[in-house]
Amino acid sequence: MREGARERARELRNLHRKQDRRRRWVLRGSMTSGIAIILVAVALIILGFVTPTTRGPLNMLSDGIKIGEGFKAVPTAAIPANSKPIASETNPPAVIDIKLYVDYLCPNCGTFERKNSAQLQAWIKSGAATVEIHPIAILTTKSAGTQYSLRAANAAGCVAEFSPNAFFDFNDAMFVDQPKEGSAGLSDAQIIARASKAGVSDLTHVSKCINDRRFRSWVQSATTRALNGPIPNSDLTSVSGTPTIVVNGSQFKYTTGFEPNEFAQFVQQIAGDAFTENASSPPSPSASPTPTN
């Protein structure tokens, strides 16, 4: 009898031990799962802070900035996050609409800018044309890991936001002594120095914006929009490379020489007599200013 009672007592103790072990394992597993869920949530929050979706720069509702008479930017609201750009208002009939899609590391963009900048300046000054510049970053992986195309386009967005009337000169400055594709490009400090020389007024805010890469996600979105298309108010389905040059909705299919006369003839062909009468005679390309690095 006593032996049987002791045996049953041992069995009960063993059963209680097993039940205790099961409870500990369940509790431990629940805690592990809870920690895992918390870690995933924290990771998602951190990623959200690292790559937030932000609005675009002020004065770039179309993903570009439109420069008109007096080299003043046409003021616009900013494109909201996750929204489509809104095309700029149509010009009067006698004012040609020129749109440029550029990557600041693109060699052909630099050649076009250096050879045609003086001509574009003359047309803007006379009121014969507006120039709408769309900075995009299709060569971000071609700068020895520094993401120069993206950083340069971000800087352009910063200038558009805080010193829009200096944008045309800043755009010119970015193509002076242009970094070669495959190089590290300009540092943020060198970009800021060029912005200063171009006459950017609010250099404190522009510098912080450049260093913080404030419009990084906008650059990526604007580049995707340009590559996927459509291009508003034009016969282009999308941008396939840079520079992409659109005159009154028609693409300029250039030769790689980018000679000013070739471009002027295309513009006059598209615009007709109204533009010819409004525009001053196209000057020869001016010498490039000394860069600030």
C-alpha atoms as a PDB file:
ATOM      1  CA  MET A   1       0.000   0.000   0.000  1.00  0.00           C
ATOM      2  CA  ARG A   2       2.659   2.446   1.052  1.00  0.00           C
ATOM      3  CA  GLU A   3       4.805   1.548  -1.946  1.00  0.00           C
ATOM      4  CA  GLY A   4       1.872   2.207  -4.270  1.00  0.00           C
ATOM      5  CA  ALA A   5       1.188   5.574  -2.610  1.00  0.00           C
ATOM      6  CA  ARG A   6       4.824   6.577  -3.048  1.00  0.00           C
ATOM      7  CA  GLU A   7       4.722   5.598  -6.721  1.00  0.00           C
ATOM      8  CA  ARG A   8       1.609   7.690  -7.331  1.00  0.00           C
ATOM      9  CA  ALA A   9       3.268  10.608  -5.539  1.00  0.00           C
ATOM     10  CA  ARG A  10       6.329  10.297  -7.830  1.00  0.00           C
ATOM     11  CA  GLU A  11       4.078  10.240 -10.904  1.00  0.00           C
ATOM     12  CA  LEU A  12       2.254  13.380  -9.711  1.00  0.00           C
ATOM     13  CA  ARG A  13       5.570  15.158  -9.094  1.00  0.00           C
ATOM     14  CA  ASN A  14       6.817  14.214 -12.564  1.00  0.00           C
ATOM     15  CA  LEU A  15       3.549  15.385 -14.112  1.00  0.00           C
ATOM     16  CA  HIS A  16       3.800  18.723 -12.296  1.00  0.00           C
ATOM     17  CA  ARG A  17       7.394  19.126 -13.464  1.00  0.00           C
ATOM     18  CA  LYS A  18       6.385  18.487 -17.077  1.00  0.00           C
ATOM     19  CA  GLN A  19       3.508  20.951 -16.799  1.00  0.00           C
ATOM     20  CA  ASP A  20       5.844  23.572 -15.314  1.00  0.00           C
ATOM     21  CA  ARG A  21       8.337  23.054 -18.168  1.00  0.00           C
ATOM     22  CA  ARG A  22       5.558  23.422 -20.746  1.00  0.00           C
ATOM     23  CA  ARG A  23       4.372  26.688 -19.130  1.00  0.00           C
ATOM     24  CA  ARG A  24       7.925  28.059 -19.117  1.00  0.00           C
ATOM     25  CA  TRP A  25       8.450  27.170 -22.787  1.00  0.00           C
ATOM     26  CA  VAL A  26       5.122  28.726 -23.794  1.00  0.00           C
ATOM     27  CA  LEU A  27       5.935  31.877 -21.808  1.00  0.00           C
ATOM     28  CA  ARG A  28       9.425  32.038 -23.282  1.00  0.00           C
ATOM     29  CA  GLY A  29       8.098  31.555 -26.817  1.00  0.00           C
ATOM     30  CA  SER A  30       5.470  34.242 -26.331  1.00  0.00           C
ATOM     31  CA  MET A  31       8.092  36.667 -25.089  1.00  0.00           C
ATOM     32  CA  THR A  32      10.382  35.856 -28.039  1.00  0.00           C
ATOM     33  CA  SER A  33       7.556  36.365 -30.531  1.00  0.00           C
ATOM     34  CA  GLY A  34       6.604  39.634 -28.860  1.00  0.00           C
ATOM     35  CA  ILE A  35      10.189  40.882 -29.011  1.00  0.00           C
ATOM     36  CA  ALA A  36      10.437  39.866 -32.665  1.00  0.00           C
ATOM     37  CA  ILE A  37       7.259  41.791 -33.486  1.00  0.00           C
ATOM     38  CA  ILE A  38       8.583  44.851 -31.658  1.00  0.00           C
ATOM     39  CA  LEU A  39      11.930  44.637 -33.500  1.00  0.00           C
ATOM     40  CA  VAL A  40      10.188  44.414 -36.885  1.00  0.00           C
ATOM     41  CA  ALA A  41       8.031  47.412 -35.994  1.00  0.00           C
ATOM     42  CA  VAL A  42      11.082  49.411 -34.910  1.00  0.00           C
ATOM     43  CA  ALA A  43      12.925  48.453 -38.116  1.00  0.00           C
ATOM     44  CA  LEU A  44      10.005  49.623 -40.232  1.00  0.00           C
ATOM     45  CA  ILE A  45       9.862  52.913 -38.355  1.00  0.00           C
ATOM     46  CA  ILE A  46      13.625  53.417 -38.806  1.00  0.00           C
ATOM     47  CA  LEU A  47      13.387  52.653 -42.531  1.00  0.00           C
ATOM     48  CA  GLY A  48      10.563  55.122 -42.789  1.00  0.00           C
ATOM     49  CA  PHE A  49      12.796  57.808 -41.298  1.00  0.00           C
ATOM     50  CA  VAL A  50      15.744  56.880 -43.499  1.00  0.00           C
ATOM     51  CA  THR A  51      13.866  56.984 -46.805  1.00  0.00           C
ATOM     52  CA  PRO A  52      10.780  59.130 -46.247  1.00  0.00           C
ATOM     53  CA  THR A  53       8.537  60.157 -49.087  1.00  0.00           C
ATOM     54  CA  THR A  54       8.571  63.942 -49.116  1.00  0.00           C
ATOM     55  CA  ARG A  55       7.063  66.749 -51.125  1.00  0.00           C
ATOM     56  CA  GLY A  56       9.017  68.261 -53.957  1.00  0.00           C
ATOM     57  CA  PRO A  57      10.685  71.677 -53.933  1.00  0.00           C
ATOM     58  CA  LEU A  58       8.697  74.874 -54.168  1.00  0.00           C
ATOM     59  CA  ASN A  59       8.519  76.311 -57.703  1.00  0.00           C
ATOM     60  CA  MET A  60       8.775  72.804 -59.229  1.00  0.00           C
ATOM     61  CA  LEU A  61       5.163  71.667 -59.376  1.00  0.00           C
ATOM     62  CA  SER A  62       5.874  70.284 -62.864  1.00  0.00           C
ATOM     63  CA  ASP A  63       9.041  68.498 -61.595  1.00  0.00           C
ATOM     64  CA  GLY A  64      10.910  71.339 -63.318  1.00  0.00           C
ATOM     65  CA  ILE A  65      11.489  75.047 -62.732  1.00  0.00           C
ATOM     66  CA  LYS A  66      10.383  77.494 -65.422  1.00  0.00           C
ATOM     67  CA  ILE A  67      12.647  80.498 -66.030  1.00  0.00           C
ATOM     68  CA  GLY A  68      11.102  83.494 -67.753  1.00  0.00           C
ATOM     69  CA  GLU A  69      11.867  87.100 -68.655  1.00  0.00           C
ATOM     70  CA  GLY A  70      14.370  88.721 -66.315  1.00  0.00           C
ATOM     71  CA  PHE A  71      15.627  85.217 -65.464  1.00  0.00           C
ATOM     72  CA  LYS A  72      12.943  85.013 -62.797  1.00  0.00           C
ATOM     73  CA  ALA A  73      11.416  81.671 -61.890  1.00  0.00           C
ATOM     74  CA  VAL A  74       7.684  81.222 -62.299  1.00  0.00           C
ATOM     75  CA  PRO A  75       6.475  80.655 -58.715  1.00  0.00           C
ATOM     76  CA  THR A  76       4.477  77.497 -58.029  1.00  0.00           C
ATOM     77  CA  ALA A  77       3.497  75.323 -55.121  1.00  0.00           C
ATOM     78  CA  ALA A  78       5.463  72.156 -54.360  1.00  0.00           C
ATOM     79  CA  ILE A  79       4.361  68.814 -55.746  1.00  0.00           C
ATOM     80  CA  PRO A  80       2.885  66.852 -52.806  1.00  0.00           C
ATOM     81  CA  ALA A  81       4.364  63.483 -51.851  1.00  0.00           C
ATOM     82  CA  ASN A  82       3.118  60.585 -53.980  1.00  0.00           C
ATOM     83  CA  SER A  83       1.425  62.954 -56.446  1.00  0.00           C
ATOM     84  CA  LYS A  84       1.704  63.517 -60.176  1.00  0.00           C
ATOM     85  CA  PRO A  85       3.338  66.687 -61.504  1.00  0.00           C
ATOM     86  CA  ILE A  86       1.146  69.399 -62.971  1.00  0.00           C
ATOM     87  CA  ALA A  87       2.276  70.819 -66.310  1.00  0.00           C
ATOM     88  CA  SER A  88       3.263  74.481 -66.396  1.00  0.00           C
ATOM     89  CA  GLU A  89       0.849  76.981 -67.882  1.00  0.00           C
ATOM     90  CA  THR A  90       1.020  77.372 -71.647  1.00  0.00           C
ATOM     91  CA  ASN A  91       3.061  80.307 -72.957  1.00  0.00           C
ATOM     92  CA  PRO A  92       1.607  83.082 -75.128  1.00  0.00           C
ATOM     93  CA  PRO A  93       1.887  82.259 -78.876  1.00  0.00           C
ATOM     94  CA  ALA A  94       4.980  84.414 -79.447  1.00  0.00           C
ATOM     95  CA  VAL A  95       6.936  82.904 -76.519  1.00  0.00           C
ATOM     96  CA  ILE A  96       8.626  79.598 -77.218  1.00  0.00           C
ATOM     97  CA  ASP A  97       8.475  76.890 -74.538  1.00  0.00           C
ATOM     98  CA  ILE A  98      11.793  75.050 -74.125  1.00  0.00           C
ATOM     99  CA  LYS A  99      12.065  72.161 -71.673  1.00  0.00           C
ATOM    100  CA  LEU A 100      15.380  70.545 -70.758  1.00  0.00           C
ATOM    101  CA  TYR A 101      15.724  67.220 -68.925  1.00  0.00           C
ATOM    102  CA  VAL A 102      19.292  67.100 -67.616  1.00  0.00           C
ATOM    103  CA  ASP A 103      21.582  64.988 -65.462  1.00  0.00           C
ATOM    104  CA  TYR A 104      24.483  66.985 -64.045  1.00  0.00           C
ATOM    105  CA  LEU A 105      26.908  64.128 -64.674  1.00  0.00           C
ATOM    106  CA  CYS A 106      25.785  63.614 -68.286  1.00  0.00           C
ATOM    107  CA  PRO A 107      28.581  64.635 -70.738  1.00  0.00           C
ATOM    108  CA  ASN A 108      26.135  65.493 -73.536  1.00  0.00           C
ATOM    109  CA  CYS A 109      24.163  67.716 -71.163  1.00  0.00           C
ATOM    110  CA  GLY A 110      27.369  69.602 -70.432  1.00  0.00           C
ATOM    111  CA  THR A 111      28.180  69.990 -74.125  1.00  0.00           C
ATOM    112  CA  PHE A 112      24.694  71.283 -74.924  1.00  0.00           C
ATOM    113  CA  GLU A 113      24.803  73.719 -72.008  1.00  0.00           C
ATOM    114  CA  ARG A 114      28.229  75.123 -72.831  1.00  0.00           C
ATOM    115  CA  LYS A 115      27.420  75.612 -76.523  1.00  0.00           C
ATOM    116  CA  ASN A 116      23.862  76.899 -76.170  1.00  0.00           C
ATOM    117  CA  SER A 117      23.739  78.724 -72.837  1.00  0.00           C
ATOM    118  CA  ALA A 118      24.438  82.161 -74.342  1.00  0.00           C
ATOM    119  CA  GLN A 119      21.731  81.596 -76.945  1.00  0.00           C
ATOM    120  CA  LEU A 120      19.214  80.531 -74.313  1.00  0.00           C
ATOM    121  CA  GLN A 121      20.132  83.543 -72.193  1.00  0.00           C
ATOM    122  CA  ALA A 122      19.485  85.895 -75.108  1.00  0.00           C
ATOM    123  CA  TRP A 123      16.073  84.379 -75.817  1.00  0.00           C
ATOM    124  CA  ILE A 124      15.034  84.554 -72.169  1.00  0.00           C
ATOM    125  CA  LYS A 125      16.305  88.139 -71.829  1.00  0.00           C
ATOM    126  CA  SER A 126      14.329  89.288 -74.866  1.00  0.00           C
ATOM    127  CA  GLY A 127      11.176  87.526 -73.702  1.00  0.00           C
ATOM    128  CA  ALA A 128      11.227  85.270 -76.769  1.00  0.00           C
ATOM    129  CA  ALA A 129      11.404  82.029 -74.761  1.00  0.00           C
ATOM    130  CA  THR A 130      11.038  80.403 -71.387  1.00  0.00           C
ATOM    131  CA  VAL A 131      13.351  77.582 -70.341  1.00  0.00           C
ATOM    132  CA  GLU A 132      12.028  74.918 -67.981  1.00  0.00           C
ATOM    133  CA  ILE A 133      14.785  72.803 -66.437  1.00  0.00           C
ATOM    134  CA  HIS A 134      14.041  69.312 -65.108  1.00  0.00           C
ATOM    135  CA  PRO A 135      16.975  67.900 -63.095  1.00  0.00           C
ATOM    136  CA  ILE A 136      16.909  64.099 -62.991  1.00  0.00           C
ATOM    137  CA  ALA A 137      19.392  61.455 -61.855  1.00  0.00           C
ATOM    138  CA  ILE A 138      19.821  58.569 -64.272  1.00  0.00           C
ATOM    139  CA  LEU A 139      23.589  58.266 -63.704  1.00  0.00           C
ATOM    140  CA  THR A 140      23.486  57.923 -59.908  1.00  0.00           C
ATOM    141  CA  THR A 141      25.492  54.669 -60.026  1.00  0.00           C
ATOM    142  CA  LYS A 142      28.174  56.159 -62.306  1.00  0.00           C
ATOM    143  CA  SER A 143      30.063  58.265 -59.766  1.00  0.00           C
ATOM    144  CA  ALA A 144      32.319  55.903 -57.800  1.00  0.00           C
ATOM    145  CA  GLY A 145      29.710  55.335 -55.108  1.00  0.00           C
ATOM    146  CA  THR A 146      29.085  59.016 -54.219  1.00  0.00           C
ATOM    147  CA  GLN A 147      25.657  59.223 -55.945  1.00  0.00           C
ATOM    148  CA  TYR A 148      26.689  62.508 -57.528  1.00  0.00           C
ATOM    149  CA  SER A 149      23.783  62.709 -59.983  1.00  0.00           C
ATOM    150  CA  LEU A 150      21.283  62.344 -57.159  1.00  0.00           C
ATOM    151  CA  ARG A 151      23.127  64.812 -54.910  1.00  0.00           C
ATOM    152  CA  ALA A 152      23.425  67.386 -57.697  1.00  0.00           C
ATOM    153  CA  ALA A 153      19.737  67.122 -58.602  1.00  0.00           C
ATOM    154  CA  ASN A 154      18.864  67.423 -54.912  1.00  0.00           C
ATOM    155  CA  ALA A 155      20.966  70.600 -54.764  1.00  0.00           C
ATOM    156  CA  ALA A 156      19.055  71.965 -57.757  1.00  0.00           C
ATOM    157  CA  GLY A 157      15.830  71.337 -55.862  1.00  0.00           C
ATOM    158  CA  CYS A 158      17.258  73.202 -52.865  1.00  0.00           C
ATOM    159  CA  VAL A 159      18.094  76.241 -55.011  1.00  0.00           C
ATOM    160  CA  ALA A 160      14.625  76.134 -56.590  1.00  0.00           C
ATOM    161  CA  GLU A 161      13.067  76.151 -53.112  1.00  0.00           C
ATOM    162  CA  PHE A 162      15.130  78.856 -51.412  1.00  0.00           C
ATOM    163  CA  SER A 163      16.649  80.998 -54.190  1.00  0.00           C
ATOM    164  CA  PRO A 164      14.650  80.310 -57.383  1.00  0.00           C
ATOM    165  CA  ASN A 165      15.727  83.435 -59.269  1.00  0.00           C
ATOM    166  CA  ALA A 166      19.353  82.260 -59.096  1.00  0.00           C
ATOM    167  CA  PHE A 167      18.490  78.890 -60.614  1.00  0.00           C
ATOM    168  CA  PHE A 168      19.508  79.638 -64.211  1.00  0.00           C
ATOM    169  CA  ASP A 169      22.993  80.743 -63.123  1.00  0.00           C
ATOM    170  CA  PHE A 170      23.289  77.794 -60.729  1.00  0.00           C
ATOM    171  CA  ASN A 171      22.374  75.399 -63.530  1.00  0.00           C
ATOM    172  CA  ASP A 172      25.097  76.975 -65.701  1.00  0.00           C
ATOM    173  CA  ALA A 173      27.618  76.735 -62.866  1.00  0.00           C
ATOM    174  CA  MET A 174      27.020  72.998 -62.447  1.00  0.00           C
ATOM    175  CA  PHE A 175      28.263  72.371 -65.989  1.00  0.00           C
ATOM    176  CA  VAL A 176      31.448  74.457 -65.687  1.00  0.00           C
ATOM    177  CA  ASP A 177      34.454  72.127 -65.566  1.00  0.00           C
ATOM    178  CA  GLN A 178      31.910  69.313 -65.319  1.00  0.00           C
ATOM    179  CA  PRO A 179      32.986  66.140 -63.482  1.00  0.00           C
ATOM    180  CA  LYS A 180      33.527  63.164 -65.745  1.00  0.00           C
ATOM    181  CA  GLU A 181      31.212  60.191 -65.726  1.00  0.00           C
ATOM    182  CA  GLY A 182      32.751  57.525 -63.486  1.00  0.00           C
ATOM    183  CA  SER A 183      34.446  60.074 -61.229  1.00  0.00           C
ATOM    184  CA  ALA A 184      33.331  60.914 -57.689  1.00  0.00           C
ATOM    185  CA  GLY A 185      31.901  64.221 -58.888  1.00  0.00           C
ATOM    186  CA  LEU A 186      31.757  67.327 -56.727  1.00  0.00           C
ATOM    187  CA  SER A 187      31.481  67.113 -52.952  1.00  0.00           C
ATOM    188  CA  ASP A 188      28.517  68.757 -51.230  1.00  0.00           C
ATOM    189  CA  ALA A 189      30.847  71.555 -50.106  1.00  0.00           C
ATOM    190  CA  GLN A 190      31.953  72.165 -53.697  1.00  0.00           C
ATOM    191  CA  ILE A 191      28.329  72.245 -54.884  1.00  0.00           C
ATOM    192  CA  ILE A 192      27.550  74.805 -52.171  1.00  0.00           C
ATOM    193  CA  ALA A 193      30.529  76.895 -53.317  1.00  0.00           C
ATOM    194  CA  ARG A 194      29.146  76.916 -56.862  1.00  0.00           C
ATOM    195  CA  ALA A 195      25.726  77.901 -55.538  1.00  0.00           C
ATOM    196  CA  SER A 196      27.345  80.807 -53.710  1.00  0.00           C
ATOM    197  CA  LYS A 197      29.168  81.990 -56.816  1.00  0.00           C
ATOM    198  CA  ALA A 198      25.951  81.716 -58.842  1.00  0.00           C
ATOM    199  CA  GLY A 199      24.353  84.305 -56.563  1.00  0.00           C
ATOM    200  CA  VAL A 200      22.171  82.080 -54.378  1.00  0.00           C
ATOM    201  CA  SER A 201      20.770  84.470 -51.786  1.00  0.00           C
ATOM    202  CA  ASP A 202      19.634  82.191 -48.963  1.00  0.00           C
ATOM    203  CA  LEU A 203      22.860  80.222 -48.747  1.00  0.00           C
ATOM    204  CA  THR A 204      22.272  79.147 -45.131  1.00  0.00           C
ATOM    205  CA  HIS A 205      19.071  77.275 -45.948  1.00  0.00           C
ATOM    206  CA  VAL A 206      20.377  76.032 -49.301  1.00  0.00           C
ATOM    207  CA  SER A 207      23.515  74.622 -47.632  1.00  0.00           C
ATOM    208  CA  LYS A 208      21.527  72.798 -44.958  1.00  0.00           C
ATOM    209  CA  CYS A 209      19.136  71.448 -47.589  1.00  0.00           C
ATOM    210  CA  ILE A 210      22.057  70.153 -49.673  1.00  0.00           C
ATOM    211  CA  ASN A 211      23.831  68.566 -46.711  1.00  0.00           C
ATOM    212  CA  ASP A 212      20.605  66.979 -45.427  1.00  0.00           C
ATOM    213  CA  ARG A 213      19.688  65.715 -48.938  1.00  0.00           C
ATOM    214  CA  ARG A 214      16.221  67.024 -48.225  1.00  0.00           C
ATOM    215  CA  PHE A 215      14.817  66.316 -51.687  1.00  0.00           C
ATOM    216  CA  ARG A 216      16.483  62.948 -52.237  1.00  0.00           C
ATOM    217  CA  SER A 217      13.227  61.002 -52.468  1.00  0.00           C
ATOM    218  CA  TRP A 218      11.714  63.639 -54.764  1.00  0.00           C
ATOM    219  CA  VAL A 219      14.688  63.308 -57.150  1.00  0.00           C
ATOM    220  CA  GLN A 220      14.182  59.547 -57.273  1.00  0.00           C
ATOM    221  CA  SER A 221      10.443  59.932 -57.890  1.00  0.00           C
ATOM    222  CA  ALA A 222      10.890  62.659 -60.518  1.00  0.00           C
ATOM    223  CA  THR A 223      13.471  60.528 -62.331  1.00  0.00           C
ATOM    224  CA  THR A 224      11.111  57.536 -62.345  1.00  0.00           C
ATOM    225  CA  ARG A 225       8.275  59.727 -63.629  1.00  0.00           C
ATOM    226  CA  ALA A 226      10.436  61.059 -66.452  1.00  0.00           C
ATOM    227  CA  LEU A 227      11.631  57.583 -67.463  1.00  0.00           C
ATOM    228  CA  ASN A 228       8.145  56.059 -67.303  1.00  0.00           C
ATOM    229  CA  GLY A 229       6.350  59.001 -68.892  1.00  0.00           C
ATOM    230  CA  PRO A 230       4.263  60.418 -70.294  1.00  0.00           C
ATOM    231  CA  ILE A 231       5.867  63.830 -70.739  1.00  0.00           C
ATOM    232  CA  PRO A 232       3.070  66.412 -70.372  1.00  0.00           C
ATOM    233  CA  ASN A 233       2.185  68.638 -73.334  1.00  0.00           C
ATOM    234  CA  SER A 234       4.579  66.902 -75.701  1.00  0.00           C
ATOM    235  CA  ASP A 235       4.820  64.183 -78.335  1.00  0.00           C
ATOM    236  CA  LEU A 236       7.186  62.149 -76.107  1.00  0.00           C
ATOM    237  CA  THR A 237       6.033  59.030 -74.348  1.00  0.00           C
ATOM    238  CA  SER A 238       8.998  59.198 -71.943  1.00  0.00           C
ATOM    239  CA  VAL A 239      12.579  60.376 -71.433  1.00  0.00           C
ATOM    240  CA  SER A 240      15.036  57.790 -72.718  1.00  0.00           C
ATOM    241  CA  GLY A 241      18.248  59.683 -72.020  1.00  0.00           C
ATOM    242  CA  THR A 242      19.722  63.079 -71.270  1.00  0.00           C
ATOM    243  CA  PRO A 243      19.662  65.724 -72.430  1.00  0.00           C
ATOM    244  CA  THR A 244      16.073  65.487 -73.608  1.00  0.00           C
ATOM    245  CA  ILE A 245      15.119  68.797 -75.219  1.00  0.00           C
ATOM    246  CA  VAL A 246      11.501  69.635 -75.994  1.00  0.00           C
ATOM    247  CA  VAL A 247      10.444  72.737 -77.935  1.00  0.00           C
ATOM    248  CA  ASN A 248       6.722  73.570 -77.918  1.00  0.00           C
ATOM    249  CA  GLY A 249       6.023  69.900 -77.309  1.00  0.00           C
ATOM    250  CA  SER A 250       8.319  68.549 -80.056  1.00  0.00           C
ATOM    251  CA  GLN A 251      11.572  66.761 -79.302  1.00  0.00           C
ATOM    252  CA  PHE A 252      14.796  68.232 -80.661  1.00  0.00           C
ATOM    253  CA  LYS A 253      16.622  65.286 -82.225  1.00  0.00           C
ATOM    254  CA  TYR A 254      20.116  66.658 -82.070  1.00  0.00           C
ATOM    255  CA  THR A 255      23.470  65.580 -83.393  1.00  0.00           C
ATOM    256  CA  THR A 256      26.154  65.159 -80.746  1.00  0.00           C
ATOM    257  CA  GLY A 257      27.799  68.404 -81.825  1.00  0.00           C
ATOM    258  CA  PHE A 258      25.011  70.463 -80.250  1.00  0.00           C
ATOM    259  CA  GLU A 259      25.883  73.394 -82.507  1.00  0.00           C
ATOM    260  CA  PRO A 260      23.905  76.565 -81.637  1.00  0.00           C
ATOM    261  CA  ASN A 261      22.834  77.127 -85.242  1.00  0.00           C
ATOM    262  CA  GLU A 262      21.348  73.645 -85.434  1.00  0.00           C
ATOM    263  CA  PHE A 263      19.283  74.257 -82.315  1.00  0.00           C
ATOM    264  CA  ALA A 264      18.275  77.779 -83.419  1.00  0.00           C
ATOM    265  CA  GLN A 265      17.050  76.467 -86.772  1.00  0.00           C
ATOM    266  CA  PHE A 266      14.931  73.827 -85.042  1.00  0.00           C
ATOM    267  CA  VAL A 267      13.421  76.404 -82.675  1.00  0.00           C
ATOM    268  CA  GLN A 268      12.613  78.769 -85.542  1.00  0.00           C
ATOM    269  CA  GLN A 269      11.111  75.912 -87.545  1.00  0.00           C
ATOM    270  CA  ILE A 270       8.837  74.957 -84.645  1.00  0.00           C
ATOM    271  CA  ALA A 271       7.945  78.491 -83.555  1.00  0.00           C
ATOM    272  CA  GLY A 272       7.640  80.260 -86.906  1.00  0.00           C
ATOM    273  CA  ASP A 273       7.714  83.971 -87.655  1.00  0.00           C
ATOM    274  CA  ALA A 274       6.336  85.087 -84.293  1.00  0.00           C
ATOM    275  CA  PHE A 275       9.399  83.773 -82.514  1.00  0.00           C
ATOM    276  CA  THR A 276      11.816  85.049 -85.153  1.00  0.00           C
ATOM    277  CA  GLU A 277      10.489  88.581 -84.759  1.00  0.00           C
ATOM    278  CA  ASN A 278      10.565  88.397 -80.962  1.00  0.00           C
ATOM    279  CA  ALA A 279      14.016  86.876 -80.554  1.00  0.00           C
ATOM    280  CA  SER A 280      17.307  88.700 -80.788  1.00  0.00           C
ATOM    281  CA  SER A 281      20.019  87.320 -83.056  1.00  0.00           C
ATOM    282  CA  PRO A 282      21.557  84.227 -81.446  1.00  0.00           C
ATOM    283  CA  PRO A 283      25.039  85.065 -80.112  1.00  0.00           C
ATOM    284  CA  SER A 284      28.049  82.807 -80.268  1.00  0.00           C
ATOM    285  CA  PRO A 285      28.628  80.698 -77.172  1.00  0.00           C
ATOM    286  CA  SER A 286      30.390  82.718 -74.489  1.00  0.00           C
ATOM    287  CA  ALA A 287      33.504  81.569 -72.723  1.00  0.00           C
ATOM    288  CA  SER A 288      32.834  79.477 -69.647  1.00  0.00           C
ATOM    289  CA  PRO A 289      33.426  81.267 -66.322  1.00  0.00           C
ATOM    290  CA  THR A 290      36.106  80.038 -63.993  1.00  0.00           C
ATOM    291  CA  PRO A 291      34.620  77.347 -61.756  1.00  0.00           C
ATOM    292  CA  THR A 292      34.482  77.480 -57.978  1.00  0.00           C
ATOM    293  CA  ASN A 293      35.327  74.074 -56.545  1.00  0.00           C
END
